[in-house]
């Protein structure tokens, strides 16, 4: 139990240090929150459809690809739930006759 408390204290210490850096405007998040220049540059890039976020927000093809990927993953998960043994056994493939 002592280890759990020590781990919790370590996590709290790291979080406190992180929040202090953010409050000082250090690091990416700190600069984004407190440096208006960085925020304005990011906003302009998104509006001009630049970068990953800008393209994702304005380009329907990326959204459709992500949606298709999620649907495929859902299908795969459903299949694994219905047939979990497929993860452990490989079906024998028929060899072509010569």
N, C-alpha and C. Protein backbone atom coordinates (compact mmCIF):
# COMPACT_ATOMS: atom_id res chain seq x y z
N UNK A 1 0.81 -1.18 0.00
CA UNK A 1 0.00 0.00 0.00
C UNK A 1 0.87 1.26 0.00
N UNK A 2 2.01 1.15 0.63
CA UNK A 2 2.93 2.27 0.70
C UNK A 2 3.39 2.68 -0.70
N UNK A 3 3.57 1.70 -1.58
CA UNK A 3 4.00 1.98 -2.96
C UNK A 3 2.94 2.79 -3.71
N UNK A 4 1.68 2.48 -3.47
CA UNK A 4 0.59 3.20 -4.14
C UNK A 4 0.60 4.67 -3.73
N UNK A 5 0.78 4.93 -2.44
CA UNK A 5 0.83 6.32 -1.98
C UNK A 5 2.03 7.06 -2.55
N UNK A 6 3.17 6.37 -2.62
CA UNK A 6 4.38 6.99 -3.17
C UNK A 6 4.17 7.31 -4.66
N UNK A 7 3.56 6.38 -5.38
CA UNK A 7 3.29 6.61 -6.79
C UNK A 7 2.34 7.78 -6.97
N UNK A 8 1.30 7.83 -6.13
CA UNK A 8 0.36 8.95 -6.20
C UNK A 8 1.04 10.28 -5.92
N UNK A 9 1.93 10.31 -4.97
CA UNK A 9 2.66 11.54 -4.65
C UNK A 9 3.55 11.95 -5.81
N UNK A 10 4.21 10.97 -6.43
CA UNK A 10 5.08 11.28 -7.57
C UNK A 10 4.26 11.85 -8.73
N UNK A 11 3.11 11.27 -8.98
CA UNK A 11 2.24 11.78 -10.04
C UNK A 11 1.80 13.20 -9.73
N UNK A 12 1.40 13.45 -8.48
CA UNK A 12 0.97 14.80 -8.07
C UNK A 12 2.11 15.80 -8.22
N UNK A 13 3.34 15.40 -7.85
CA UNK A 13 4.50 16.30 -7.98
C UNK A 13 4.75 16.65 -9.44
N UNK A 14 4.68 15.67 -10.31
CA UNK A 14 4.91 15.91 -11.74
C UNK A 14 3.84 16.83 -12.29
N UNK A 15 2.59 16.60 -11.90
CA UNK A 15 1.50 17.45 -12.37
C UNK A 15 1.67 18.89 -11.88
N UNK A 16 2.08 19.05 -10.63
CA UNK A 16 2.30 20.40 -10.11
C UNK A 16 3.39 21.12 -10.88
N UNK A 17 4.48 20.43 -11.17
CA UNK A 17 5.57 21.04 -11.95
C UNK A 17 5.09 21.41 -13.35
N UNK A 18 4.30 20.55 -13.94
CA UNK A 18 3.77 20.81 -15.28
C UNK A 18 2.88 22.05 -15.27
N UNK A 19 1.98 22.14 -14.30
CA UNK A 19 1.10 23.29 -14.20
C UNK A 19 1.88 24.58 -13.95
N UNK A 20 2.94 24.52 -13.15
CA UNK A 20 3.77 25.70 -12.92
C UNK A 20 4.40 26.19 -14.22
N UNK A 21 4.89 25.23 -15.03
CA UNK A 21 5.50 25.61 -16.31
C UNK A 21 4.47 26.23 -17.25
N UNK A 22 3.27 25.66 -17.26
CA UNK A 22 2.22 26.21 -18.11
C UNK A 22 1.89 27.63 -17.65
N UNK A 23 1.76 27.84 -16.34
CA UNK A 23 1.45 29.18 -15.82
C UNK A 23 2.53 30.20 -16.16
N UNK A 24 3.78 29.74 -16.32
CA UNK A 24 4.87 30.63 -16.71
C UNK A 24 4.91 30.85 -18.21
N UNK A 25 4.04 30.17 -18.95
CA UNK A 25 4.03 30.29 -20.40
C UNK A 25 5.09 29.45 -21.07
N UNK A 26 5.58 28.43 -20.38
CA UNK A 26 6.62 27.55 -20.92
C UNK A 26 5.97 26.34 -21.58
N UNK A 27 6.70 25.76 -22.50
CA UNK A 27 6.20 24.57 -23.18
C UNK A 27 5.16 24.94 -24.22
N UNK A 28 4.78 23.97 -25.02
CA UNK A 28 3.83 24.23 -26.10
C UNK A 28 2.49 24.71 -25.59
N UNK A 29 1.94 24.03 -24.59
CA UNK A 29 0.64 24.43 -24.07
C UNK A 29 0.71 25.80 -23.40
N UNK A 30 1.74 26.05 -22.64
CA UNK A 30 1.90 27.35 -22.00
C UNK A 30 1.99 28.47 -23.02
N UNK A 31 2.75 28.26 -24.08
CA UNK A 31 2.88 29.27 -25.13
C UNK A 31 1.57 29.46 -25.86
N UNK A 32 0.86 28.37 -26.11
CA UNK A 32 -0.42 28.46 -26.82
C UNK A 32 -1.43 29.27 -26.01
N UNK A 33 -1.43 29.07 -24.71
CA UNK A 33 -2.39 29.77 -23.85
C UNK A 33 -2.00 31.25 -23.65
N UNK A 34 -0.73 31.52 -23.45
CA UNK A 34 -0.32 32.88 -23.05
C UNK A 34 0.34 33.70 -24.15
N UNK A 35 0.76 33.08 -25.25
CA UNK A 35 1.43 33.82 -26.33
C UNK A 35 0.44 34.01 -27.47
N UNK A 36 -0.07 35.21 -27.58
CA UNK A 36 -1.08 35.51 -28.59
C UNK A 36 -0.55 35.28 -30.01
N UNK A 37 0.73 35.50 -30.22
CA UNK A 37 1.33 35.32 -31.54
C UNK A 37 1.20 33.87 -31.99
N UNK A 38 1.55 32.95 -31.12
CA UNK A 38 1.45 31.52 -31.46
C UNK A 38 0.01 31.14 -31.74
N UNK A 39 -0.91 31.62 -30.91
CA UNK A 39 -2.33 31.32 -31.12
C UNK A 39 -2.79 31.85 -32.47
N UNK A 40 -2.42 33.07 -32.81
CA UNK A 40 -2.83 33.68 -34.08
C UNK A 40 -2.25 32.93 -35.27
N UNK A 41 -1.00 32.47 -35.15
CA UNK A 41 -0.38 31.70 -36.23
C UNK A 41 -1.11 30.37 -36.43
N UNK A 42 -1.45 29.74 -35.33
CA UNK A 42 -2.17 28.47 -35.41
C UNK A 42 -3.55 28.67 -36.02
N UNK A 43 -4.24 29.70 -35.57
CA UNK A 43 -5.57 29.99 -36.10
C UNK A 43 -5.51 30.27 -37.60
N UNK A 44 -4.52 31.04 -38.04
CA UNK A 44 -4.38 31.36 -39.46
C UNK A 44 -4.09 30.10 -40.27
N UNK A 45 -3.24 29.25 -39.75
CA UNK A 45 -2.91 28.01 -40.46
C UNK A 45 -4.15 27.13 -40.63
N UNK A 46 -4.95 27.04 -39.58
CA UNK A 46 -6.17 26.23 -39.67
C UNK A 46 -7.13 26.85 -40.68
N UNK A 47 -7.31 28.17 -40.63
CA UNK A 47 -8.22 28.84 -41.57
C UNK A 47 -7.76 28.70 -43.01
N UNK A 48 -6.44 28.61 -43.22
CA UNK A 48 -5.90 28.45 -44.57
C UNK A 48 -5.75 26.98 -44.95
N UNK A 49 -6.36 26.12 -44.14
CA UNK A 49 -6.38 24.68 -44.41
C UNK A 49 -5.00 24.06 -44.46
N UNK A 50 -4.11 24.58 -43.63
CA UNK A 50 -2.75 24.06 -43.57
C UNK A 50 -2.61 23.16 -42.36
N UNK A 51 -1.70 22.23 -42.45
CA UNK A 51 -1.43 21.33 -41.34
C UNK A 51 -2.50 20.27 -41.20
N UNK A 52 -2.26 19.34 -40.33
CA UNK A 52 -3.17 18.22 -40.14
C UNK A 52 -4.55 18.68 -39.70
N UNK A 53 -4.62 19.56 -38.71
CA UNK A 53 -5.91 20.01 -38.20
C UNK A 53 -6.67 20.79 -39.26
N UNK A 54 -5.98 21.69 -39.95
CA UNK A 54 -6.64 22.48 -41.00
C UNK A 54 -7.20 21.62 -42.10
N UNK A 55 -6.42 20.64 -42.55
CA UNK A 55 -6.90 19.74 -43.61
C UNK A 55 -8.05 18.88 -43.11
N UNK A 56 -7.95 18.40 -41.87
CA UNK A 56 -9.00 17.55 -41.33
C UNK A 56 -10.32 18.30 -41.21
N UNK A 57 -10.26 19.57 -40.80
CA UNK A 57 -11.49 20.33 -40.61
C UNK A 57 -12.14 20.74 -41.93
N UNK A 58 -11.34 20.94 -42.98
CA UNK A 58 -11.88 21.48 -44.22
C UNK A 58 -11.93 20.48 -45.38
N UNK A 59 -11.27 19.36 -45.28
CA UNK A 59 -11.21 18.40 -46.39
C UNK A 59 -12.08 17.19 -46.05
N UNK A 60 -13.21 17.06 -46.74
CA UNK A 60 -14.14 15.96 -46.48
C UNK A 60 -13.53 14.59 -46.74
N UNK A 61 -12.58 14.51 -47.67
CA UNK A 61 -12.02 13.19 -47.99
C UNK A 61 -11.28 12.60 -46.79
N UNK A 62 -10.61 13.43 -46.02
CA UNK A 62 -9.91 12.93 -44.83
C UNK A 62 -10.94 12.45 -43.81
N UNK A 63 -12.00 13.20 -43.61
CA UNK A 63 -13.05 12.80 -42.68
C UNK A 63 -13.65 11.46 -43.12
N UNK A 64 -13.93 11.33 -44.40
CA UNK A 64 -14.53 10.09 -44.90
C UNK A 64 -13.59 8.90 -44.71
N UNK A 65 -12.29 9.13 -44.91
CA UNK A 65 -11.33 8.05 -44.71
C UNK A 65 -11.26 7.63 -43.24
N UNK A 66 -11.29 8.60 -42.35
CA UNK A 66 -11.29 8.29 -40.90
C UNK A 66 -12.57 7.55 -40.54
N UNK A 67 -13.70 8.00 -41.07
CA UNK A 67 -14.98 7.34 -40.79
C UNK A 67 -14.96 5.89 -41.30
N UNK A 68 -14.42 5.68 -42.49
CA UNK A 68 -14.30 4.33 -43.05
C UNK A 68 -13.39 3.45 -42.19
N UNK A 69 -12.30 4.03 -41.74
CA UNK A 69 -11.37 3.30 -40.88
C UNK A 69 -12.05 2.87 -39.58
N UNK A 70 -12.83 3.76 -38.98
CA UNK A 70 -13.55 3.44 -37.75
C UNK A 70 -14.57 2.33 -38.00
N UNK A 71 -15.27 2.39 -39.12
CA UNK A 71 -16.24 1.35 -39.45
C UNK A 71 -15.55 0.00 -39.64
N UNK A 72 -14.41 0.00 -40.33
CA UNK A 72 -13.65 -1.24 -40.52
C UNK A 72 -13.19 -1.80 -39.18
N UNK A 73 -12.72 -0.93 -38.30
CA UNK A 73 -12.28 -1.38 -36.98
C UNK A 73 -13.45 -1.95 -36.18
N UNK A 74 -14.60 -1.30 -36.27
CA UNK A 74 -15.79 -1.83 -35.60
C UNK A 74 -16.15 -3.21 -36.12
N UNK A 75 -16.07 -3.39 -37.44
CA UNK A 75 -16.36 -4.70 -38.03
C UNK A 75 -15.37 -5.75 -37.56
N UNK A 76 -14.11 -5.39 -37.50
CA UNK A 76 -13.08 -6.32 -37.05
C UNK A 76 -13.31 -6.71 -35.59
N UNK A 77 -13.61 -5.74 -34.75
CA UNK A 77 -13.86 -6.02 -33.34
C UNK A 77 -15.10 -6.91 -33.18
N UNK A 78 -16.15 -6.62 -33.94
CA UNK A 78 -17.36 -7.45 -33.87
C UNK A 78 -17.05 -8.89 -34.29
N UNK A 79 -16.26 -9.04 -35.34
CA UNK A 79 -15.90 -10.38 -35.81
C UNK A 79 -15.08 -11.13 -34.76
N UNK A 80 -14.16 -10.44 -34.12
CA UNK A 80 -13.34 -11.07 -33.08
C UNK A 80 -14.23 -11.46 -31.89
N UNK A 81 -15.19 -10.64 -31.56
CA UNK A 81 -16.10 -10.99 -30.45
C UNK A 81 -16.93 -12.22 -30.79
N UNK A 82 -17.36 -12.33 -32.05
CA UNK A 82 -18.16 -13.49 -32.46
C UNK A 82 -17.32 -14.73 -32.63
N UNK A 83 -16.07 -14.56 -33.07
CA UNK A 83 -15.20 -15.70 -33.37
C UNK A 83 -13.81 -15.50 -32.76
N UNK A 84 -13.70 -15.49 -31.43
CA UNK A 84 -12.41 -15.21 -30.80
C UNK A 84 -11.34 -16.24 -31.12
N UNK A 85 -11.73 -17.45 -31.46
CA UNK A 85 -10.74 -18.49 -31.78
C UNK A 85 -9.95 -18.17 -33.04
N UNK A 86 -10.44 -17.27 -33.86
CA UNK A 86 -9.70 -16.90 -35.07
C UNK A 86 -8.35 -16.28 -34.75
N UNK A 87 -8.21 -15.77 -33.54
CA UNK A 87 -6.93 -15.19 -33.14
C UNK A 87 -5.89 -16.27 -32.85
N UNK A 88 -6.34 -17.50 -32.59
CA UNK A 88 -5.43 -18.54 -32.15
C UNK A 88 -5.24 -19.67 -33.15
N UNK A 89 -6.21 -19.89 -34.04
CA UNK A 89 -6.09 -20.96 -35.01
C UNK A 89 -6.08 -20.40 -36.41
N UNK A 90 -5.18 -20.93 -37.19
CA UNK A 90 -5.10 -20.54 -38.58
C UNK A 90 -5.78 -21.62 -39.39
N UNK A 91 -6.70 -21.20 -40.24
CA UNK A 91 -7.37 -22.18 -41.08
C UNK A 91 -6.40 -22.68 -42.14
N UNK A 92 -6.57 -23.94 -42.49
CA UNK A 92 -5.69 -24.52 -43.51
C UNK A 92 -6.10 -24.01 -44.87
N UNK A 93 -5.10 -23.59 -45.60
CA UNK A 93 -5.37 -23.11 -46.95
C UNK A 93 -5.25 -24.28 -47.90
N UNK A 94 -6.16 -24.30 -48.85
CA UNK A 94 -6.10 -25.35 -49.85
C UNK A 94 -5.00 -25.01 -50.85
N UNK A 95 -4.15 -26.01 -51.09
CA UNK A 95 -3.08 -25.80 -52.06
C UNK A 95 -3.63 -26.05 -53.45
N UNK A 96 -3.24 -25.20 -54.39
CA UNK A 96 -3.73 -25.40 -55.77
C UNK A 96 -3.16 -26.69 -56.35
N UNK A 97 -4.01 -27.37 -57.11
CA UNK A 97 -3.57 -28.61 -57.75
C UNK A 97 -2.72 -28.27 -58.96
N UNK A 98 -1.69 -29.10 -59.13
CA UNK A 98 -0.77 -28.85 -60.27
C UNK A 98 -1.22 -29.56 -61.50
